[in-house]
């Protein structure tokens, strides 16, 4: 996989770059992820993201694993705010024969896998 996103911080400005070769849902996540780096990790000047991992980093893992996880969580909260996801789940007539997760993913314009992870983490 190539580079999904990049954040370059120079003095008082920042630039987010993303791959236009990826689908729009991935591009949205990448932009939100890089914004997370900007808001949470101001000490760095360059973040290059080749692969997003949607898991908690190991305690003994590289120090940047925590930054990646935090940037992912920031993106998740922007794209799928907890209160809105919970409200939408209450509205949906959940029928396990139908793909209600796909319906939610469409409403939030995210991938089905991203929505599945969000629903699981919220224990819905």
PDB file of N, CA and C in Angstrom:
ATOM      1  N   UNK A   1       0.845  -1.172   0.000  1.00  0.00           N
ATOM      2  CA  UNK A   1       0.000   0.000   0.000  1.00  0.00           C
ATOM      3  C   UNK A   1       0.891   1.237   0.000  1.00  0.00           C
ATOM      4  N   UNK A   2       0.480   2.270  -0.697  1.00  0.00           N
ATOM      5  CA  UNK A   2       1.236   3.511  -0.736  1.00  0.00           C
ATOM      6  C   UNK A   2       0.888   4.383   0.447  1.00  0.00           C
ATOM      7  N   UNK A   3       1.196   5.642   0.332  1.00  0.00           N
ATOM      8  CA  UNK A   3       0.922   6.598   1.402  1.00  0.00           C
ATOM      9  C   UNK A   3      -0.550   6.990   1.355  1.00  0.00           C
ATOM     10  N   UNK A   4      -1.223   6.863   2.485  1.00  0.00           N
ATOM     11  CA  UNK A   4      -2.633   7.254   2.578  1.00  0.00           C
ATOM     12  C   UNK A   4      -2.778   8.728   2.900  1.00  0.00           C
ATOM     13  N   UNK A   5      -1.914   9.206   3.792  1.00  0.00           N
ATOM     14  CA  UNK A   5      -2.025  10.594   4.210  1.00  0.00           C
ATOM     15  C   UNK A   5      -0.719  11.123   4.731  1.00  0.00           C
ATOM     16  N   UNK A   6      -0.642  12.437   4.734  1.00  0.00           N
ATOM     17  CA  UNK A   6       0.558  13.105   5.224  1.00  0.00           C
ATOM     18  C   UNK A   6       0.145  14.424   5.865  1.00  0.00           C
ATOM     19  N   UNK A   7       0.807  14.758   6.942  1.00  0.00           N
ATOM     20  CA  UNK A   7       0.613  16.040   7.605  1.00  0.00           C
ATOM     21  C   UNK A   7       1.968  16.692   7.719  1.00  0.00           C
ATOM     22  N   UNK A   8       2.087  17.878   7.165  1.00  0.00           N
ATOM     23  CA  UNK A   8       3.327  18.638   7.228  1.00  0.00           C
ATOM     24  C   UNK A   8       3.050  19.920   8.000  1.00  0.00           C
ATOM     25  N   UNK A   9       3.792  20.121   9.096  1.00  0.00           N
ATOM     26  CA  UNK A   9       3.621  21.307   9.927  1.00  0.00           C
ATOM     27  C   UNK A   9       4.866  22.168   9.782  1.00  0.00           C
ATOM     28  N   UNK A  10       4.644  23.402   9.320  1.00  0.00           N
ATOM     29  CA  UNK A  10       5.737  24.362   9.153  1.00  0.00           C
ATOM     30  C   UNK A  10       5.345  25.676   9.823  1.00  0.00           C
ATOM     31  N   UNK A  11       6.071  26.015  10.872  1.00  0.00           N
ATOM     32  CA  UNK A  11       5.829  27.246  11.626  1.00  0.00           C
ATOM     33  C   UNK A  11       4.358  27.340  12.026  1.00  0.00           C
ATOM     34  N   UNK A  12       3.629  28.287  11.481  1.00  0.00           N
ATOM     35  CA  UNK A  12       2.238  28.498  11.897  1.00  0.00           C
ATOM     36  C   UNK A  12       1.220  27.925  10.907  1.00  0.00           C
ATOM     37  N   UNK A  13       1.671  27.091   9.982  1.00  0.00           N
ATOM     38  CA  UNK A  13       0.718  26.511   9.027  1.00  0.00           C
ATOM     39  C   UNK A  13       0.898  25.004   8.953  1.00  0.00           C
ATOM     40  N   UNK A  14      -0.117  24.364   8.469  1.00  0.00           N
ATOM     41  CA  UNK A  14      -0.091  22.911   8.316  1.00  0.00           C
ATOM     42  C   UNK A  14      -0.761  22.546   7.006  1.00  0.00           C
ATOM     43  N   UNK A  15      -0.283  21.466   6.405  1.00  0.00           N
ATOM     44  CA  UNK A  15      -0.843  20.966   5.153  1.00  0.00           C
ATOM     45  C   UNK A  15      -1.149  19.486   5.311  1.00  0.00           C
ATOM     46  N   UNK A  16      -2.366  19.115   4.935  1.00  0.00           N
ATOM     47  CA  UNK A  16      -2.763  17.709   4.931  1.00  0.00           C
ATOM     48  C   UNK A  16      -2.815  17.251   3.487  1.00  0.00           C
ATOM     49  N   UNK A  17      -2.147  16.149   3.223  1.00  0.00           N
ATOM     50  CA  UNK A  17      -2.202  15.529   1.904  1.00  0.00           C
ATOM     51  C   UNK A  17      -2.836  14.162   2.026  1.00  0.00           C
ATOM     52  N   UNK A  18      -3.500  13.716   0.972  1.00  0.00           N
ATOM     53  CA  UNK A  18      -4.149  12.410   0.981  1.00  0.00           C
ATOM     54  C   UNK A  18      -4.119  11.846  -0.432  1.00  0.00           C
ATOM     55  N   UNK A  19      -4.289  10.546  -0.524  1.00  0.00           N
ATOM     56  CA  UNK A  19      -4.263   9.880  -1.819  1.00  0.00           C
ATOM     57  C   UNK A  19      -5.618   9.991  -2.509  1.00  0.00           C
ATOM     58  N   UNK A  20      -5.614  10.549  -3.694  1.00  0.00           N
ATOM     59  CA  UNK A  20      -6.849  10.636  -4.478  1.00  0.00           C
ATOM     60  C   UNK A  20      -7.171   9.305  -5.153  1.00  0.00           C
ATOM     61  N   UNK A  21      -6.270   8.332  -5.008  1.00  0.00           N
ATOM     62  CA  UNK A  21      -6.486   7.013  -5.615  1.00  0.00           C
ATOM     63  C   UNK A  21      -7.313   6.107  -4.716  1.00  0.00           C
ATOM     64  N   UNK A  22      -7.545   6.537  -3.490  1.00  0.00           N
ATOM     65  CA  UNK A  22      -8.357   5.736  -2.574  1.00  0.00           C
ATOM     66  C   UNK A  22      -9.801   6.213  -2.624  1.00  0.00           C
ATOM     67  N   UNK A  23     -10.721   5.345  -2.196  1.00  0.00           N
ATOM     68  CA  UNK A  23     -12.131   5.720  -2.275  1.00  0.00           C
ATOM     69  C   UNK A  23     -12.430   6.888  -1.331  1.00  0.00           C
ATOM     70  N   UNK A  24     -13.537   7.547  -1.578  1.00  0.00           N
ATOM     71  CA  UNK A  24     -13.879   8.781  -0.875  1.00  0.00           C
ATOM     72  C   UNK A  24     -14.019   8.555   0.628  1.00  0.00           C
ATOM     73  N   UNK A  25     -14.504   7.399   1.022  1.00  0.00           N
ATOM     74  CA  UNK A  25     -14.654   7.114   2.453  1.00  0.00           C
ATOM     75  C   UNK A  25     -13.293   7.025   3.122  1.00  0.00           C
ATOM     76  N   UNK A  26     -12.353   6.411   2.463  1.00  0.00           N
ATOM     77  CA  UNK A  26     -10.991   6.330   3.000  1.00  0.00           C
ATOM     78  C   UNK A  26     -10.350   7.715   3.033  1.00  0.00           C
ATOM     79  N   UNK A  27     -10.597   8.525   1.996  1.00  0.00           N
ATOM     80  CA  UNK A  27     -10.062   9.883   1.963  1.00  0.00           C
ATOM     81  C   UNK A  27     -10.591  10.701   3.140  1.00  0.00           C
ATOM     82  N   UNK A  28     -11.877  10.578   3.436  1.00  0.00           N
ATOM     83  CA  UNK A  28     -12.463  11.307   4.565  1.00  0.00           C
ATOM     84  C   UNK A  28     -11.807  10.885   5.872  1.00  0.00           C
ATOM     85  N   UNK A  29     -11.617   9.563   6.023  1.00  0.00           N
ATOM     86  CA  UNK A  29     -10.988   9.080   7.247  1.00  0.00           C
ATOM     87  C   UNK A  29      -9.553   9.589   7.340  1.00  0.00           C
ATOM     88  N   UNK A  30      -8.838   9.544   6.235  1.00  0.00           N
ATOM     89  CA  UNK A  30      -7.449  10.012   6.212  1.00  0.00           C
ATOM     90  C   UNK A  30      -7.364  11.479   6.617  1.00  0.00           C
ATOM     91  N   UNK A  31      -8.226  12.307   6.069  1.00  0.00           N
ATOM     92  CA  UNK A  31      -8.223  13.737   6.413  1.00  0.00           C
ATOM     93  C   UNK A  31      -8.493  13.938   7.906  1.00  0.00           C
ATOM     94  N   UNK A  32      -9.476  13.219   8.433  1.00  0.00           N
ATOM     95  CA  UNK A  32      -9.801  13.342   9.858  1.00  0.00           C
ATOM     96  C   UNK A  32      -8.651  12.820  10.721  1.00  0.00           C
ATOM     97  N   UNK A  33      -8.017  11.751  10.285  1.00  0.00           N
ATOM     98  CA  UNK A  33      -6.876  11.169  10.996  1.00  0.00           C
ATOM     99  C   UNK A  33      -5.717  12.172  11.054  1.00  0.00           C
ATOM    100  N   UNK A  34      -5.410  12.784   9.942  1.00  0.00           N
ATOM    101  CA  UNK A  34      -4.317  13.758   9.901  1.00  0.00           C
ATOM    102  C   UNK A  34      -4.658  14.998  10.724  1.00  0.00           C
ATOM    103  N   UNK A  35      -5.915  15.409  10.713  1.00  0.00           N
ATOM    104  CA  UNK A  35      -6.341  16.505  11.578  1.00  0.00           C
ATOM    105  C   UNK A  35      -6.131  16.118  13.043  1.00  0.00           C
ATOM    106  N   UNK A  36      -6.371  14.859  13.360  1.00  0.00           N
ATOM    107  CA  UNK A  36      -6.115  14.365  14.710  1.00  0.00           C
ATOM    108  C   UNK A  36      -4.654  14.522  15.090  1.00  0.00           C
ATOM    109  N   UNK A  37      -3.750  14.165  14.177  1.00  0.00           N
ATOM    110  CA  UNK A  37      -2.322  14.385  14.452  1.00  0.00           C
ATOM    111  C   UNK A  37      -2.052  15.864  14.726  1.00  0.00           C
ATOM    112  N   UNK A  38      -2.643  16.731  13.921  1.00  0.00           N
ATOM    113  CA  UNK A  38      -2.412  18.170  14.082  1.00  0.00           C
ATOM    114  C   UNK A  38      -2.903  18.656  15.439  1.00  0.00           C
ATOM    115  N   UNK A  39      -4.084  18.226  15.847  1.00  0.00           N
ATOM    116  CA  UNK A  39      -4.674  18.695  17.099  1.00  0.00           C
ATOM    117  C   UNK A  39      -4.015  18.067  18.327  1.00  0.00           C
ATOM    118  N   UNK A  40      -3.582  16.815  18.207  1.00  0.00           N
ATOM    119  CA  UNK A  40      -3.110  16.074  19.380  1.00  0.00           C
ATOM    120  C   UNK A  40      -1.593  15.977  19.518  1.00  0.00           C
ATOM    121  N   UNK A  41      -0.882  16.078  18.405  1.00  0.00           N
ATOM    122  CA  UNK A  41       0.553  15.780  18.414  1.00  0.00           C
ATOM    123  C   UNK A  41       1.365  16.932  17.837  1.00  0.00           C
ATOM    124  N   UNK A  42       1.192  18.068  18.384  1.00  0.00           N
ATOM    125  CA  UNK A  42       1.820  19.279  17.851  1.00  0.00           C
ATOM    126  C   UNK A  42       3.338  19.269  17.916  1.00  0.00           C
ATOM    127  N   UNK A  43       3.918  18.372  18.699  1.00  0.00           N
ATOM    128  CA  UNK A  43       5.375  18.349  18.824  1.00  0.00           C
ATOM    129  C   UNK A  43       6.072  17.877  17.567  1.00  0.00           C
ATOM    130  N   UNK A  44       5.366  17.142  16.711  1.00  0.00           N
ATOM    131  CA  UNK A  44       5.970  16.633  15.486  1.00  0.00           C
ATOM    132  C   UNK A  44       5.842  17.625  14.352  1.00  0.00           C
ATOM    133  N   UNK A  45       6.621  17.427  13.319  1.00  0.00           N
ATOM    134  CA  UNK A  45       6.531  18.321  12.168  1.00  0.00           C
ATOM    135  C   UNK A  45       6.100  17.582  10.908  1.00  0.00           C
ATOM    136  N   UNK A  46       6.186  16.247  10.931  1.00  0.00           N
ATOM    137  CA  UNK A  46       5.817  15.477   9.745  1.00  0.00           C
ATOM    138  C   UNK A  46       5.253  14.140  10.177  1.00  0.00           C
ATOM    139  N   UNK A  47       4.074  13.819   9.671  1.00  0.00           N
ATOM    140  CA  UNK A  47       3.450  12.528   9.908  1.00  0.00           C
ATOM    141  C   UNK A  47       3.128  11.933   8.542  1.00  0.00           C
ATOM    142  N   UNK A  48       3.607  10.745   8.280  1.00  0.00           N
ATOM    143  CA  UNK A  48       3.305  10.034   7.035  1.00  0.00           C
ATOM    144  C   UNK A  48       2.628   8.742   7.421  1.00  0.00           C
ATOM    145  N   UNK A  49       1.427   8.525   6.918  1.00  0.00           N
ATOM    146  CA  UNK A  49       0.661   7.341   7.269  1.00  0.00           C
ATOM    147  C   UNK A  49       0.532   6.419   6.079  1.00  0.00           C
ATOM    148  N   UNK A  50       1.163   5.260   6.202  1.00  0.00           N
ATOM    149  CA  UNK A  50       1.115   4.262   5.136  1.00  0.00           C
ATOM    150  C   UNK A  50       0.033   3.232   5.387  1.00  0.00           C
ATOM    151  N   UNK A  51      -0.312   3.011   6.649  1.00  0.00           N
ATOM    152  CA  UNK A  51      -1.267   1.967   6.973  1.00  0.00           C
ATOM    153  C   UNK A  51      -1.969   2.338   8.263  1.00  0.00           C
ATOM    154  N   UNK A  52      -3.305   2.356   8.229  1.00  0.00           N
ATOM    155  CA  UNK A  52      -4.058   2.624   9.443  1.00  0.00           C
ATOM    156  C   UNK A  52      -4.346   1.317  10.139  1.00  0.00           C
ATOM    157  N   UNK A  53      -4.198   1.300  11.446  1.00  0.00           N
ATOM    158  CA  UNK A  53      -4.497   0.120  12.232  1.00  0.00           C
ATOM    159  C   UNK A  53      -5.583   0.502  13.222  1.00  0.00           C
ATOM    160  N   UNK A  54      -6.679  -0.214  13.180  1.00  0.00           N
ATOM    161  CA  UNK A  54      -7.820   0.101  14.028  1.00  0.00           C
ATOM    162  C   UNK A  54      -7.796  -0.744  15.301  1.00  0.00           C
ATOM    163  N   UNK A  55      -6.707  -0.716  16.021  1.00  0.00           N
ATOM    164  CA  UNK A  55      -6.606  -1.468  17.259  1.00  0.00           C
ATOM    165  C   UNK A  55      -5.841  -0.648  18.281  1.00  0.00           C
ATOM    166  N   UNK A  56      -5.909  -1.081  19.501  1.00  0.00           N
ATOM    167  CA  UNK A  56      -5.127  -0.424  20.552  1.00  0.00           C
ATOM    168  C   UNK A  56      -3.692  -0.907  20.438  1.00  0.00           C
ATOM    169  N   UNK A  57      -2.739  -0.026  20.523  1.00  0.00           N
ATOM    170  CA  UNK A  57      -1.333  -0.431  20.423  1.00  0.00           C
ATOM    171  C   UNK A  57      -0.905  -1.213  21.653  1.00  0.00           C
ATOM    172  N   UNK A  58       0.090  -2.027  21.479  1.00  0.00           N
ATOM    173  CA  UNK A  58       0.621  -2.794  22.603  1.00  0.00           C
ATOM    174  C   UNK A  58       1.394  -1.870  23.533  1.00  0.00           C
ATOM    175  N   UNK A  59       1.436  -2.232  24.798  1.00  0.00           N
ATOM    176  CA  UNK A  59       2.138  -1.389  25.766  1.00  0.00           C
ATOM    177  C   UNK A  59       3.624  -1.308  25.470  1.00  0.00           C
ATOM    178  N   UNK A  60       4.176  -2.370  24.906  1.00  0.00           N
ATOM    179  CA  UNK A  60       5.605  -2.370  24.615  1.00  0.00           C
ATOM    180  C   UNK A  60       5.929  -1.977  23.187  1.00  0.00           C
ATOM    181  N   UNK A  61       4.918  -1.534  22.435  1.00  0.00           N
ATOM    182  CA  UNK A  61       5.122  -1.205  21.028  1.00  0.00           C
ATOM    183  C   UNK A  61       5.831   0.114  20.840  1.00  0.00           C
ATOM    184  N   UNK A  62       6.146   0.427  19.593  1.00  0.00           N
ATOM    185  CA  UNK A  62       6.808   1.700  19.293  1.00  0.00           C
ATOM    186  C   UNK A  62       5.977   2.888  19.769  1.00  0.00           C
ATOM    187  N   UNK A  63       6.639   3.964  20.154  1.00  0.00           N
ATOM    188  CA  UNK A  63       5.940   5.118  20.721  1.00  0.00           C
ATOM    189  C   UNK A  63       4.945   5.731  19.735  1.00  0.00           C
ATOM    190  N   UNK A  64       5.211   5.637  18.455  1.00  0.00           N
ATOM    191  CA  UNK A  64       4.287   6.251  17.494  1.00  0.00           C
ATOM    192  C   UNK A  64       2.998   5.454  17.328  1.00  0.00           C
ATOM    193  N   UNK A  65       2.954   4.195  17.834  1.00  0.00           N
ATOM    194  CA  UNK A  65       1.699   3.439  17.776  1.00  0.00           C
ATOM    195  C   UNK A  65       0.604   4.174  18.533  1.00  0.00           C
ATOM    196  N   UNK A  66       0.930   4.767  19.686  1.00  0.00           N
ATOM    197  CA  UNK A  66      -0.068   5.500  20.455  1.00  0.00           C
ATOM    198  C   UNK A  66      -0.559   6.718  19.688  1.00  0.00           C
ATOM    199  N   UNK A  67       0.343   7.394  19.002  1.00  0.00           N
ATOM    200  CA  UNK A  67      -0.073   8.562  18.218  1.00  0.00           C
ATOM    201  C   UNK A  67      -1.009   8.142  17.092  1.00  0.00           C
ATOM    202  N   UNK A  68      -0.711   7.029  16.457  1.00  0.00           N
ATOM    203  CA  UNK A  68      -1.573   6.538  15.381  1.00  0.00           C
ATOM    204  C   UNK A  68      -2.936   6.141  15.919  1.00  0.00           C
ATOM    205  N   UNK A  69      -2.947   5.452  17.062  1.00  0.00           N
ATOM    206  CA  UNK A  69      -4.217   5.050  17.660  1.00  0.00           C
ATOM    207  C   UNK A  69      -5.035   6.273  18.053  1.00  0.00           C
ATOM    208  N   UNK A  70      -4.371   7.257  18.667  1.00  0.00           N
ATOM    209  CA  UNK A  70      -5.081   8.478  19.066  1.00  0.00           C
ATOM    210  C   UNK A  70      -5.632   9.228  17.848  1.00  0.00           C
ATOM    211  N   UNK A  71      -4.862   9.291  16.781  1.00  0.00           N
ATOM    212  CA  UNK A  71      -5.340   9.960  15.562  1.00  0.00           C
ATOM    213  C   UNK A  71      -6.522   9.199  14.968  1.00  0.00           C
ATOM    214  N   UNK A  72      -6.489   7.868  15.024  1.00  0.00           N
ATOM    215  CA  UNK A  72      -7.628   7.072  14.562  1.00  0.00           C
ATOM    216  C   UNK A  72      -8.865   7.351  15.405  1.00  0.00           C
ATOM    217  N   UNK A  73      -8.692   7.387  16.723  1.00  0.00           N
ATOM    218  CA  UNK A  73      -9.825   7.644  17.609  1.00  0.00           C
ATOM    219  C   UNK A  73     -10.398   9.038  17.375  1.00  0.00           C
ATOM    220  N   UNK A  74      -9.538  10.007  17.141  1.00  0.00           N
ATOM    221  CA  UNK A  74      -9.972  11.364  16.823  1.00  0.00           C
ATOM    222  C   UNK A  74     -10.844  11.330  15.560  1.00  0.00           C
ATOM    223  N   UNK A  75     -10.363  10.640  14.529  1.00  0.00           N
ATOM    224  CA  UNK A  75     -11.109  10.542  13.266  1.00  0.00           C
ATOM    225  C   UNK A  75     -12.453   9.855  13.472  1.00  0.00           C
ATOM    226  N   UNK A  76     -12.456   8.784  14.229  1.00  0.00           N
ATOM    227  CA  UNK A  76     -13.691   8.051  14.499  1.00  0.00           C
ATOM    228  C   UNK A  76     -14.709   8.954  15.189  1.00  0.00           C
ATOM    229  N   UNK A  77     -14.259   9.726  16.168  1.00  0.00           N
ATOM    230  CA  UNK A  77     -15.167  10.601  16.903  1.00  0.00           C
ATOM    231  C   UNK A  77     -15.706  11.738  16.047  1.00  0.00           C
ATOM    232  N   UNK A  78     -14.926  12.192  15.086  1.00  0.00           N
ATOM    233  CA  UNK A  78     -15.401  13.236  14.179  1.00  0.00           C
ATOM    234  C   UNK A  78     -16.413  12.665  13.179  1.00  0.00           C
ATOM    235  N   UNK A  79     -16.068  11.523  12.596  1.00  0.00           N
ATOM    236  CA  UNK A  79     -16.899  10.952  11.533  1.00  0.00           C
ATOM    237  C   UNK A  79     -18.118  10.198  12.053  1.00  0.00           C
ATOM    238  N   UNK A  80     -18.015   9.641  13.254  1.00  0.00           N
ATOM    239  CA  UNK A  80     -19.105   8.843  13.825  1.00  0.00           C
ATOM    240  C   UNK A  80     -19.269   9.198  15.299  1.00  0.00           C
ATOM    241  N   UNK A  81     -19.727  10.414  15.591  1.00  0.00           N
ATOM    242  CA  UNK A  81     -19.866  10.822  16.990  1.00  0.00           C
ATOM    243  C   UNK A  81     -20.772   9.858  17.768  1.00  0.00           C
ATOM    244  N   UNK A  82     -20.345   9.534  18.961  1.00  0.00           N
ATOM    245  CA  UNK A  82     -21.061   8.532  19.763  1.00  0.00           C
ATOM    246  C   UNK A  82     -22.542   8.836  19.895  1.00  0.00           C
ATOM    247  N   UNK A  83     -22.887  10.062  20.261  1.00  0.00           N
ATOM    248  CA  UNK A  83     -24.304  10.372  20.487  1.00  0.00           C
ATOM    249  C   UNK A  83     -25.132  10.228  19.206  1.00  0.00           C
ATOM    250  N   UNK A  84     -24.555  10.566  18.062  1.00  0.00           N
ATOM    251  CA  UNK A  84     -25.298  10.432  16.804  1.00  0.00           C
ATOM    252  C   UNK A  84     -25.441   8.970  16.398  1.00  0.00           C
ATOM    253  N   UNK A  85     -24.397   8.187  16.597  1.00  0.00           N
ATOM    254  CA  UNK A  85     -24.483   6.754  16.281  1.00  0.00           C
ATOM    255  C   UNK A  85     -25.541   6.106  17.169  1.00  0.00           C
ATOM    256  N   UNK A  86     -25.509   6.417  18.469  1.00  0.00           N
ATOM    257  CA  UNK A  86     -26.505   5.843  19.385  1.00  0.00           C
ATOM    258  C   UNK A  86     -27.918   6.261  18.985  1.00  0.00           C
ATOM    259  N   UNK A  87     -28.111   7.515  18.610  1.00  0.00           N
ATOM    260  CA  UNK A  87     -29.432   7.990  18.182  1.00  0.00           C
ATOM    261  C   UNK A  87     -29.909   7.242  16.936  1.00  0.00           C
ATOM    262  N   UNK A  88     -29.017   7.053  15.975  1.00  0.00           N
ATOM    263  CA  UNK A  88     -29.385   6.359  14.744  1.00  0.00           C
ATOM    264  C   UNK A  88     -29.702   4.880  14.995  1.00  0.00           C
ATOM    265  N   UNK A  89     -28.966   4.260  15.891  1.00  0.00           N
ATOM    266  CA  UNK A  89     -29.232   2.853  16.216  1.00  0.00           C
ATOM    267  C   UNK A  89     -30.618   2.724  16.841  1.00  0.00           C
ATOM    268  N   UNK A  90     -30.998   3.685  17.681  1.00  0.00           N
ATOM    269  CA  UNK A  90     -32.333   3.662  18.293  1.00  0.00           C
ATOM    270  C   UNK A  90     -33.431   3.777  17.236  1.00  0.00           C
ATOM    271  N   UNK A  91     -33.164   4.545  16.184  1.00  0.00           N
ATOM    272  CA  UNK A  91     -34.161   4.763  15.125  1.00  0.00           C
ATOM    273  C   UNK A  91     -34.322   3.561  14.202  1.00  0.00           C
ATOM    274  N   UNK A  92     -33.259   2.795  14.043  1.00  0.00           N
ATOM    275  CA  UNK A  92     -33.266   1.688  13.082  1.00  0.00           C
ATOM    276  C   UNK A  92     -34.007   0.503  13.650  1.00  0.00           C
ATOM    277  N   UNK A  93     -34.845  -0.065  12.826  1.00  0.00           N
ATOM    278  CA  UNK A  93     -35.502  -1.314  13.182  1.00  0.00           C
ATOM    279  C   UNK A  93     -34.491  -2.411  12.915  1.00  0.00           C
ATOM    280  N   UNK A  94     -33.809  -2.862  13.956  1.00  0.00           N
ATOM    281  CA  UNK A  94     -32.729  -3.827  13.763  1.00  0.00           C
ATOM    282  C   UNK A  94     -33.314  -5.201  13.470  1.00  0.00           C
ATOM    283  N   UNK A  95     -33.052  -5.650  12.274  1.00  0.00           N
ATOM    284  CA  UNK A  95     -33.447  -6.982  11.829  1.00  0.00           C
ATOM    285  C   UNK A  95     -32.160  -7.660  11.399  1.00  0.00           C
ATOM    286  N   UNK A  96     -31.779  -8.683  12.112  1.00  0.00           N
ATOM    287  CA  UNK A  96     -30.483  -9.298  11.862  1.00  0.00           C
ATOM    288  C   UNK A  96     -30.414 -10.015  10.523  1.00  0.00           C
ATOM    289  N   UNK A  97     -31.550 -10.103   9.804  1.00  0.00           N
ATOM    290  CA  UNK A  97     -31.522 -10.657   8.448  1.00  0.00           C
ATOM    291  C   UNK A  97     -31.152  -9.579   7.434  1.00  0.00           C
ATOM    292  N   UNK A  98     -31.264  -8.330   7.835  1.00  0.00           N
ATOM    293  CA  UNK A  98     -30.922  -7.223   6.944  1.00  0.00           C
ATOM    294  C   UNK A  98     -29.619  -6.596   7.408  1.00  0.00           C
ATOM    295  N   UNK A  99     -28.972  -5.879   6.525  1.00  0.00           N
ATOM    296  CA  UNK A  99     -27.684  -5.300   6.867  1.00  0.00           C
ATOM    297  C   UNK A  99     -27.856  -3.883   7.409  1.00  0.00           C
ATOM    298  N   UNK A 100     -28.223  -3.790   8.683  1.00  0.00           N
ATOM    299  CA  UNK A 100     -28.444  -2.491   9.317  1.00  0.00           C
ATOM    300  C   UNK A 100     -27.133  -1.753   9.530  1.00  0.00           C
ATOM    301  N   UNK A 101     -26.029  -2.486   9.638  1.00  0.00           N
ATOM    302  CA  UNK A 101     -24.726  -1.837   9.777  1.00  0.00           C
ATOM    303  C   UNK A 101     -24.386  -1.097   8.492  1.00  0.00           C
ATOM    304  N   UNK A 102     -24.701  -1.698   7.365  1.00  0.00           N
ATOM    305  CA  UNK A 102     -24.462  -1.049   6.074  1.00  0.00           C
ATOM    306  C   UNK A 102     -25.299   0.227   5.954  1.00  0.00           C
ATOM    307  N   UNK A 103     -26.521   0.177   6.443  1.00  0.00           N
ATOM    308  CA  UNK A 103     -27.388   1.360   6.427  1.00  0.00           C
ATOM    309  C   UNK A 103     -26.775   2.497   7.255  1.00  0.00           C
ATOM    310  N   UNK A 104     -26.273   2.159   8.431  1.00  0.00           N
ATOM    311  CA  UNK A 104     -25.612   3.169   9.262  1.00  0.00           C
ATOM    312  C   UNK A 104     -24.355   3.711   8.590  1.00  0.00           C
ATOM    313  N   UNK A 105     -23.568   2.823   8.000  1.00  0.00           N
ATOM    314  CA  UNK A 105     -22.341   3.239   7.313  1.00  0.00           C
ATOM    315  C   UNK A 105     -22.667   4.246   6.208  1.00  0.00           C
ATOM    316  N   UNK A 106     -23.734   4.002   5.471  1.00  0.00           N
ATOM    317  CA  UNK A 106     -24.142   4.933   4.416  1.00  0.00           C
ATOM    318  C   UNK A 106     -24.539   6.288   4.999  1.00  0.00           C
ATOM    319  N   UNK A 107     -25.266   6.269   6.114  1.00  0.00           N
ATOM    320  CA  UNK A 107     -25.702   7.527   6.729  1.00  0.00           C
ATOM    321  C   UNK A 107     -24.520   8.377   7.170  1.00  0.00           C
ATOM    322  N   UNK A 108     -23.455   7.728   7.649  1.00  0.00           N
ATOM    323  CA  UNK A 108     -22.294   8.453   8.141  1.00  0.00           C
ATOM    324  C   UNK A 108     -21.187   8.575   7.091  1.00  0.00           C
ATOM    325  N   UNK A 109     -21.435   8.006   5.910  1.00  0.00           N
ATOM    326  CA  UNK A 109     -20.480   8.037   4.798  1.00  0.00           C
ATOM    327  C   UNK A 109     -19.113   7.487   5.203  1.00  0.00           C
ATOM    328  N   UNK A 110     -19.154   6.318   5.845  1.00  0.00           N
ATOM    329  CA  UNK A 110     -17.944   5.605   6.245  1.00  0.00           C
ATOM    330  C   UNK A 110     -18.041   4.172   5.730  1.00  0.00           C
ATOM    331  N   UNK A 111     -16.947   3.455   5.803  1.00  0.00           N
ATOM    332  CA  UNK A 111     -16.966   2.064   5.354  1.00  0.00           C
ATOM    333  C   UNK A 111     -17.750   1.198   6.337  1.00  0.00           C
ATOM    334  N   UNK A 112     -18.227   0.075   5.850  1.00  0.00           N
ATOM    335  CA  UNK A 112     -18.949  -0.865   6.700  1.00  0.00           C
ATOM    336  C   UNK A 112     -18.034  -1.389   7.801  1.00  0.00           C
ATOM    337  N   UNK A 113     -16.767  -1.631   7.462  1.00  0.00           N
ATOM    338  CA  UNK A 113     -15.846  -2.133   8.484  1.00  0.00           C
ATOM    339  C   UNK A 113     -15.615  -1.087   9.579  1.00  0.00           C
ATOM    340  N   UNK A 114     -15.481   0.186   9.211  1.00  0.00           N
ATOM    341  CA  UNK A 114     -15.303   1.244  10.206  1.00  0.00           C
ATOM    342  C   UNK A 114     -16.536   1.333  11.111  1.00  0.00           C
ATOM    343  N   UNK A 115     -17.720   1.259  10.517  1.00  0.00           N
ATOM    344  CA  UNK A 115     -18.949   1.326  11.311  1.00  0.00           C
ATOM    345  C   UNK A 115     -19.083   0.094  12.200  1.00  0.00           C
ATOM    346  N   UNK A 116     -18.710  -1.056  11.697  1.00  0.00           N
ATOM    347  CA  UNK A 116     -18.775  -2.287  12.496  1.00  0.00           C
ATOM    348  C   UNK A 116     -17.893  -2.173  13.734  1.00  0.00           C
ATOM    349  N   UNK A 117     -16.702  -1.642  13.546  1.00  0.00           N
ATOM    350  CA  UNK A 117     -15.784  -1.455  14.679  1.00  0.00           C
ATOM    351  C   UNK A 117     -16.363  -0.451  15.670  1.00  0.00           C
ATOM    352  N   UNK A 118     -16.937   0.627  15.157  1.00  0.00           N
ATOM    353  CA  UNK A 118     -17.512   1.656  16.041  1.00  0.00           C
ATOM    354  C   UNK A 118     -18.664   1.070  16.857  1.00  0.00           C
ATOM    355  N   UNK A 119     -19.543   0.336  16.211  1.00  0.00           N
ATOM    356  CA  UNK A 119     -20.675  -0.274  16.891  1.00  0.00           C
ATOM    357  C   UNK A 119     -20.196  -1.257  17.961  1.00  0.00           C
ATOM    358  N   UNK A 120     -19.189  -2.017  17.623  1.00  0.00           N
ATOM    359  CA  UNK A 120     -18.643  -2.986  18.562  1.00  0.00           C
ATOM    360  C   UNK A 120     -18.043  -2.286  19.785  1.00  0.00           C
ATOM    361  N   UNK A 121     -17.265  -1.238  19.545  1.00  0.00           N
ATOM    362  CA  UNK A 121     -16.633  -0.509  20.655  1.00  0.00           C
ATOM    363  C   UNK A 121     -17.662   0.192  21.542  1.00  0.00           C
ATOM    364  N   UNK A 122     -18.778   0.582  20.938  1.00  0.00           N
ATOM    365  CA  UNK A 122     -19.843   1.224  21.717  1.00  0.00           C
ATOM    366  C   UNK A 122     -20.765   0.183  22.344  1.00  0.00           C
ATOM    367  N   UNK A 123     -20.487  -1.080  22.074  1.00  0.00           N
ATOM    368  CA  UNK A 123     -21.268  -2.207  22.603  1.00  0.00           C
ATOM    369  C   UNK A 123     -22.750  -2.093  22.250  1.00  0.00           C
ATOM    370  N   UNK A 124     -23.017  -1.772  20.980  1.00  0.00           N
ATOM    371  CA  UNK A 124     -24.386  -1.643  20.504  1.00  0.00           C
ATOM    372  C   UNK A 124     -24.842  -2.911  19.796  1.00  0.00           C
TER     373      UNK A 124
END
